[in-house]
Protein backbone atom coordinates (compact mmCIF):
# COMPACT_ATOMS: atom_id res chain seq x y z
CA MET A 1 122.08 68.81 93.17
CA GLY A 2 120.28 69.07 89.50
CA GLN A 3 116.70 69.08 91.40
CA ARG A 4 118.01 71.78 93.84
CA ILE A 5 118.54 73.91 90.84
CA ARG A 6 115.41 72.73 89.06
CA SER A 7 113.69 73.25 92.65
CA ALA A 8 114.81 76.86 92.76
CA TRP A 9 114.45 77.76 89.13
CA LEU A 10 110.93 77.03 89.63
CA ALA A 11 110.23 79.18 92.97
CA PHE A 12 112.19 81.97 90.99
CA GLN A 13 109.54 81.53 88.02
CA VAL A 14 106.86 81.34 91.07
CA GLY A 15 108.36 84.50 92.38
CA CYS A 16 108.27 86.54 89.02
CA THR A 17 104.90 85.12 88.13
CA TYR A 18 103.32 86.57 91.31
CA ILE A 19 105.33 89.99 90.84
CA GLY A 20 104.35 90.43 87.60
CA THR A 21 100.42 89.67 88.00
CA VAL A 22 100.57 91.97 90.91
CA VAL A 23 102.39 94.68 88.85
CA GLY A 24 100.85 96.93 86.46
CA ALA A 25 100.34 100.25 84.99
CA GLY A 26 99.02 102.05 88.19
CA PHE A 27 102.23 100.27 90.21
CA ALA A 28 104.97 101.35 87.76
CA SER A 29 103.52 104.79 86.83
CA GLY A 30 103.66 105.68 90.64
CA GLN A 31 99.78 106.45 90.83
CA GLU A 32 99.04 103.62 92.55
CA ILE A 33 101.53 103.89 95.18
CA PHE A 34 101.42 107.21 95.71
CA ARG A 35 97.61 106.26 96.11
CA PHE A 36 97.99 103.90 98.48
CA PHE A 37 101.33 104.99 100.41
CA GLY A 38 103.08 108.10 99.22
CA ARG A 39 100.19 110.35 100.45
CA PHE A 40 100.29 109.28 104.12
CA GLY A 41 104.33 110.61 103.72
CA THR A 42 106.76 108.50 106.35
CA ALA A 43 103.84 106.54 108.00
CA GLY A 44 103.57 105.07 104.76
CA VAL A 45 107.31 103.85 104.01
CA PHE A 46 106.56 101.96 107.48
CA ALA A 47 103.27 100.52 105.87
CA ILE A 48 105.18 99.32 102.90
CA ALA A 49 107.15 96.98 105.27
CA LEU A 50 103.47 95.87 106.38
CA ALA A 51 102.62 95.51 102.97
CA ALA A 52 105.81 92.82 101.76
CA VAL A 53 105.09 90.72 104.80
CA LEU A 54 101.20 90.53 104.28
CA PHE A 55 102.24 89.75 100.32
CA ALA A 56 104.21 86.78 101.48
CA TRP A 57 101.55 85.36 103.81
CA LEU A 58 98.50 85.49 101.43
CA GLY A 59 100.28 85.01 98.19
CA TYR A 60 101.33 81.46 99.43
CA ARG A 61 98.12 80.97 101.16
CA VAL A 62 96.18 81.55 97.64
CA MET A 63 98.46 79.29 95.82
CA TYR A 64 98.53 76.78 98.81
CA LEU A 65 94.71 76.34 98.36
CA GLY A 66 95.34 75.67 94.49
CA HIS A 67 97.64 72.96 95.25
CA VAL A 68 95.70 71.08 97.76
CA LEU A 69 92.35 71.52 95.87
CA ARG A 70 94.22 70.77 92.42
CA ALA A 71 91.85 74.13 91.20
CA ARG A 72 92.57 74.89 87.48
CA SER A 73 90.38 78.49 88.48
CA TYR A 74 89.15 80.63 91.09
CA ARG A 75 85.37 78.91 89.81
CA GLU A 76 86.59 75.92 90.92
CA LEU A 77 88.07 76.67 94.22
CA ASN A 78 84.86 78.95 95.07
CA ARG A 79 82.33 75.89 93.99
CA HIS A 80 84.56 73.40 96.10
CA LEU A 81 84.66 75.74 99.07
CA PHE A 82 81.27 77.47 99.25
CA GLY A 83 79.21 75.40 97.44
CA GLU A 84 77.05 76.80 94.18
CA THR A 85 75.30 79.74 95.68
CA VAL A 86 78.03 81.76 97.15
CA GLY A 87 80.28 80.06 94.92
CA THR A 88 78.74 82.03 91.91
CA VAL A 89 78.34 84.89 93.71
CA LEU A 90 81.79 85.35 94.74
CA ASP A 91 82.48 84.22 91.01
CA VAL A 92 80.86 87.22 89.60
CA VAL A 93 82.30 89.70 92.11
CA LEU A 94 85.86 88.62 91.22
CA SER A 95 84.82 88.63 87.45
CA ILE A 96 83.71 92.41 87.37
CA MET A 97 86.59 93.47 89.32
CA LEU A 98 89.56 91.70 87.32
CA PHE A 99 87.54 93.03 83.98
CA GLY A 100 87.65 96.61 85.65
CA VAL A 101 91.31 96.54 86.18
CA THR A 102 91.77 95.12 82.49
CA VAL A 103 90.38 98.24 81.47
CA ALA A 104 92.24 100.50 83.52
CA MET A 105 95.45 98.19 82.32
CA ILE A 106 94.43 99.19 78.42
CA ALA A 107 93.82 102.81 79.18
CA GLY A 108 97.45 102.72 81.02
CA ALA A 109 98.98 101.57 77.70
CA GLY A 110 97.23 104.27 75.77
CA ALA A 111 98.03 107.10 78.23
CA LEU A 112 101.89 105.39 77.97
CA PHE A 113 101.83 105.90 73.93
CA GLN A 114 100.19 109.07 74.11
CA GLN A 115 102.00 110.67 76.99
CA SER A 116 105.45 109.55 76.42
CA LEU A 117 105.67 108.36 72.78
CA HIS A 118 103.17 111.17 71.06
CA ILE A 119 101.71 108.08 69.60
CA SER A 120 97.70 108.34 69.42
CA PHE A 121 96.52 106.49 72.70
CA GLN A 122 94.07 103.99 70.52
CA TRP A 123 97.29 102.67 68.77
CA GLY A 124 98.82 102.15 72.10
CA ALA A 125 95.74 100.37 73.41
CA LEU A 126 95.02 98.25 70.11
CA LEU A 127 98.95 97.08 70.32
CA THR A 128 99.04 95.91 73.66
CA MET A 129 95.75 93.84 73.00
CA VAL A 130 96.88 91.90 70.20
CA VAL A 131 100.12 91.46 72.13
CA THR A 132 98.25 90.23 74.97
CA TYR A 133 95.84 88.29 72.92
CA PHE A 134 98.70 86.04 71.53
CA THR A 135 100.09 85.62 74.91
CA ILE A 136 97.05 84.32 76.29
CA VAL A 137 95.97 81.63 74.09
CA ARG A 138 99.43 80.14 74.74
CA GLY A 139 97.87 79.10 78.42
CA MET A 140 99.76 79.17 81.65
CA ARG A 141 102.76 78.06 79.98
CA GLY A 142 102.90 81.60 78.20
CA ILE A 143 102.12 83.40 81.25
CA VAL A 144 104.71 81.97 83.23
CA ALA A 145 107.24 82.72 80.22
CA ALA A 146 106.57 86.22 79.75
CA ASN A 147 106.65 86.80 83.53
CA THR A 148 110.21 85.44 83.77
CA VAL A 149 111.66 87.71 81.46
CA ILE A 150 109.66 90.59 82.14
CA VAL A 151 109.78 90.76 85.86
CA PRO A 152 114.01 90.81 86.45
CA ALA A 153 114.15 93.87 83.94
CA MET A 154 111.53 95.62 85.89
CA ILE A 155 113.13 95.10 89.66
CA GLY A 156 116.47 95.92 88.00
CA PHE A 157 115.30 99.13 86.51
CA VAL A 158 113.31 100.57 89.53
CA LEU A 159 116.79 99.51 91.49
CA PHE A 160 118.45 101.59 89.34
CA ALA A 161 116.33 104.91 89.48
CA GLY A 162 115.86 104.37 93.00
CA LEU A 163 119.81 104.43 93.27
CA HIS A 164 120.14 107.37 91.02
CA VAL A 165 117.35 109.37 93.08
CA LEU A 166 119.66 108.64 96.36
CA HIS A 167 122.95 109.40 94.41
CA HIS A 168 121.35 112.77 93.29
CA THR A 169 119.13 113.63 96.24
CA THR A 170 119.58 113.05 100.11
CA PRO A 171 118.04 110.72 102.14
CA GLY A 172 117.25 113.64 104.79
CA PHE A 173 115.55 115.69 102.12
CA ILE A 174 113.37 112.67 101.01
CA TRP A 175 112.54 111.94 104.40
CA ALA A 176 111.66 115.99 105.27
CA THR A 177 109.20 115.45 102.11
CA GLY A 178 107.93 112.48 103.43
CA ALA A 179 107.38 114.09 106.38
CA GLN A 180 105.56 117.04 105.12
CA LEU A 181 102.63 114.93 103.83
CA SER A 182 102.39 113.07 107.27
CA GLN A 183 99.07 114.85 108.02
CA ARG A 184 96.87 112.17 108.08
CA PRO A 185 96.59 109.74 111.41
CA PRO A 186 99.04 106.88 110.75
CA LEU A 187 96.51 104.23 111.71
CA LEU A 188 94.82 105.25 108.10
CA SER A 189 98.35 103.88 106.45
CA VAL A 190 97.86 100.61 107.79
CA VAL A 191 94.52 100.39 106.61
CA SER A 192 95.66 101.71 103.28
CA ALA A 193 98.42 98.77 103.32
CA ILE A 194 95.86 96.12 104.39
CA LEU A 195 93.58 97.14 101.32
CA TYR A 196 96.16 97.40 98.82
CA VAL A 197 97.37 93.67 99.67
CA ALA A 198 93.87 92.45 99.76
CA PHE A 199 93.13 94.27 96.30
CA ASN A 200 95.91 93.23 94.47
CA ILE A 201 95.78 89.11 96.04
CA GLY A 202 91.88 89.09 95.58
CA LEU A 203 92.88 90.26 91.58
CA ALA A 204 96.35 87.45 91.52
CA THR A 205 94.04 84.76 92.81
CA GLY A 206 93.17 83.99 88.76
CA VAL A 207 96.73 83.10 88.27
CA LEU A 208 97.70 82.16 91.63
CA ILE A 209 95.34 79.25 92.39
CA PRO A 210 96.02 77.18 89.14
CA LEU A 211 99.66 78.06 89.48
CA GLY A 212 99.66 76.41 92.66
CA ALA A 213 97.77 73.46 91.20
CA ASN A 214 100.58 73.38 88.93
CA VAL A 215 103.81 73.28 91.13
CA PRO A 216 104.38 69.82 92.88
CA SER A 217 106.06 71.12 95.87
CA LEU A 218 104.53 73.37 98.74
CA ARG A 219 108.08 74.25 99.54
CA THR A 220 108.67 75.63 95.95
CA LEU A 221 105.35 77.73 96.46
CA ARG A 222 106.42 79.08 99.98
CA THR A 223 109.65 80.22 98.74
CA GLY A 224 108.73 81.70 95.45
CA ALA A 225 105.90 83.32 97.61
CA ALA A 226 108.54 84.81 99.51
CA LEU A 227 110.43 86.12 96.51
CA GLY A 228 107.49 87.67 95.16
CA ALA A 229 107.05 89.82 98.17
CA THR A 230 110.24 90.65 98.70
CA GLY A 231 110.38 91.83 95.08
CA LEU A 232 107.16 93.62 95.69
CA GLY A 233 108.29 95.32 99.00
CA VAL A 234 111.82 96.56 97.22
CA MET A 235 110.03 98.05 94.37
CA LEU A 236 107.38 99.74 96.54
CA PHE A 237 110.24 101.35 98.74
CA ALA A 238 112.41 102.71 95.43
CA VAL A 239 109.27 104.08 93.57
CA THR A 240 108.16 105.69 96.87
CA GLY A 241 111.51 107.44 97.37
CA ALA A 242 111.64 108.76 94.05
CA LEU A 243 108.19 110.26 94.04
CA PHE A 244 109.29 111.94 97.28
CA ALA A 245 112.40 113.41 95.73
CA ASN A 246 110.37 114.87 92.96
CA TYR A 247 107.18 116.20 95.00
CA PRO A 248 104.93 117.43 93.78
CA ASP A 249 105.52 118.18 90.24
CA VAL A 250 105.53 114.71 88.97
CA MET A 251 102.30 114.01 90.68
CA GLN A 252 100.33 116.18 87.92
CA LEU A 253 101.12 113.42 85.21
CA ASP A 254 99.31 110.44 84.67
CA ILE A 255 102.92 108.46 84.62
CA PRO A 256 104.92 110.28 86.94
CA MET A 257 107.61 107.84 87.02
CA ALA A 258 108.48 108.48 83.67
CA ARG A 259 109.09 112.18 84.47
CA VAL A 260 111.96 110.53 86.79
CA ALA A 261 113.15 108.22 84.30
CA GLY A 262 113.77 111.30 81.95
CA GLN A 263 115.60 112.97 84.53
CA ILE A 264 118.11 109.96 84.19
CA GLY A 265 118.74 110.28 80.35
CA SER A 266 117.04 109.83 77.31
CA ILE A 267 118.23 106.13 77.05
CA TRP A 268 117.27 105.31 80.21
CA GLN A 269 113.50 106.82 79.81
CA TRP A 270 113.21 104.47 76.60
CA LEU A 271 114.06 101.88 78.73
CA PHE A 272 111.51 102.70 81.34
CA LEU A 273 108.70 103.11 79.00
CA LEU A 274 109.39 99.34 77.64
CA VAL A 275 109.45 98.01 81.46
CA LEU A 276 106.31 99.97 81.88
CA TRP A 277 104.64 98.55 79.25
CA GLY A 278 105.78 95.24 79.97
CA GLU A 279 104.28 95.46 83.47
CA ILE A 280 101.32 96.68 82.11
CA TYR A 281 101.22 93.67 79.50
CA SER A 282 102.22 90.70 82.05
CA THR A 283 99.00 92.20 84.17
CA LEU A 284 97.02 92.42 81.67
CA VAL A 285 98.04 89.18 80.48
CA GLY A 286 96.91 87.50 84.04
CA ASN A 287 93.87 89.34 84.27
CA VAL A 288 92.26 88.52 81.15
CA TYR A 289 93.55 84.71 81.38
CA SER A 290 91.94 84.64 84.82
CA VAL A 291 88.05 85.83 83.57
CA ALA A 292 88.67 83.75 80.24
CA ALA A 293 89.52 80.16 81.64
CA GLN A 294 86.20 80.51 83.90
CA PHE A 295 84.07 80.06 80.58
CA SER A 296 86.32 77.98 78.26
CA GLN A 297 88.35 75.83 80.74
CA GLY A 298 91.84 77.37 79.86
CA THR A 299 92.07 75.63 76.47
CA GLY A 300 91.17 75.55 72.83
CA ARG A 301 89.23 77.72 70.95
CA ARG A 302 87.13 78.79 73.43
CA LEU A 303 89.63 80.54 75.47
CA ALA A 304 90.97 82.36 72.25
CA GLY A 305 87.63 83.62 71.25
CA THR A 306 86.19 84.55 74.88
CA THR A 307 89.95 86.05 75.42
CA ALA A 308 89.12 88.55 72.26
CA ILE A 309 85.66 89.33 73.41
CA LEU A 310 86.83 90.67 76.71
CA LEU A 311 89.60 92.23 75.54
CA LEU A 312 87.22 94.24 72.95
CA LEU A 313 84.87 94.99 75.74
CA ALA A 314 87.85 96.24 77.70
CA TYR A 315 89.23 98.72 75.44
CA LEU A 316 85.71 100.48 74.76
CA GLY A 317 85.59 100.90 78.49
CA SER A 318 89.36 102.40 78.36
CA GLN A 319 87.92 105.23 76.75
CA VAL A 320 87.14 106.53 80.29
CA GLY A 321 90.87 107.51 80.93
CA PHE A 322 93.69 105.85 82.99
CA THR A 323 94.08 108.31 86.02
CA ARG A 324 90.23 108.41 86.77
CA LEU A 325 90.02 104.65 86.79
CA VAL A 326 93.08 104.54 89.08
CA THR A 327 91.36 107.00 91.23
CA HIS A 328 87.79 106.09 91.81
CA VAL A 329 87.96 102.34 91.09
CA TYR A 330 91.16 100.91 92.99
CA GLY A 331 90.02 102.08 96.00
CA VAL A 332 86.03 100.41 96.31
CA PHE A 333 87.73 97.28 94.55
CA GLY A 334 90.35 97.35 97.45
CA TRP A 335 87.35 96.92 100.14
CA ILE A 336 85.98 94.26 98.47
CA SER A 337 88.70 92.46 97.85
CA VAL A 338 89.48 92.41 101.63
CA PHE A 339 86.25 90.05 102.23
CA LEU A 340 87.24 88.03 99.44
CA VAL A 341 90.75 87.46 101.05
CA LEU A 342 89.05 86.37 104.36
CA VAL A 343 86.65 84.09 102.81
CA LEU A 344 89.67 82.21 100.71
CA LEU A 345 91.38 82.03 103.97
CA TRP A 346 88.81 80.55 106.18
CA PRO A 347 87.37 77.91 104.18
CA ARG A 348 84.53 76.12 105.48
CA GLU A 349 86.08 72.83 105.21
CA LYS A 350 89.26 71.13 107.03
CA LEU A 351 92.38 71.18 104.57
CA PRO A 352 95.56 69.59 104.72
CA THR A 353 97.93 71.13 106.95
CA ALA A 354 100.54 73.43 105.21
């Protein structure tokens, strides 16, 4: 019985780490979800179900590769599967993508403080960077611990917000709004769902690969991937419904979900801001750790120094602005990630059966 409880707890931690790595400023703010799903209307709702299935399958596959190859980073995995030359190219591409989203996360933190708390963009970004730095220097243990606390709170809030919307807005109205947005061919929503999952899986590999290596059981990894995908799917449905219920007014804001939270009450708005910041922080931790681990083997003073440099460079890039970054950068990275994920799923050498 004790072993089963420990396995279940470990699977829960894996699922939380998976969700925390995927969910960031774009997801929680509503901007990213509207871009990939909401703008397709009702077709986007069905695309969310497809995305949840893909998250379960691909998330497990990436962790499986880390497990069977005992890889501590995506650099080690790429070298093992594809050799020095191709592996180096993949390392560079993935590092650039992770750094680009790191810039967006810091910009999102600054926008959150500026729009909702009326505190300087710069102070919000700098505070988030400091907390991120001290989490990363603890290594993978710090990342798992942070997500085990943040992710359940995040899911709880999103579900409450979704139920509140349903209580004050009929499902028929929400569906009618979705139908009005359904002007694009449904096939585009399928493509968008694939891009969304590939984009997030590609960026999450830096955490999922060493996570798979650190978990002793493939069954635990499979259960954790399923829990993570289920949580992601539920949150995607809830946020999309909330955006439909408040469309088009909230889409004029950098953080539309902050307006939704404000309609529930001032206390819930503050809780949402805390949860949103936690989501930004959790993804920022995963991304920066993924890149820093490539240059420092994940431990010691080199990790601390590399992390500080990456955060400083990302802070400089964040001055471009959050909405602009999400709009122009995420779509391009999605197409690149499709290629990266396909490469990972069809390795050159035969591996043990999952």
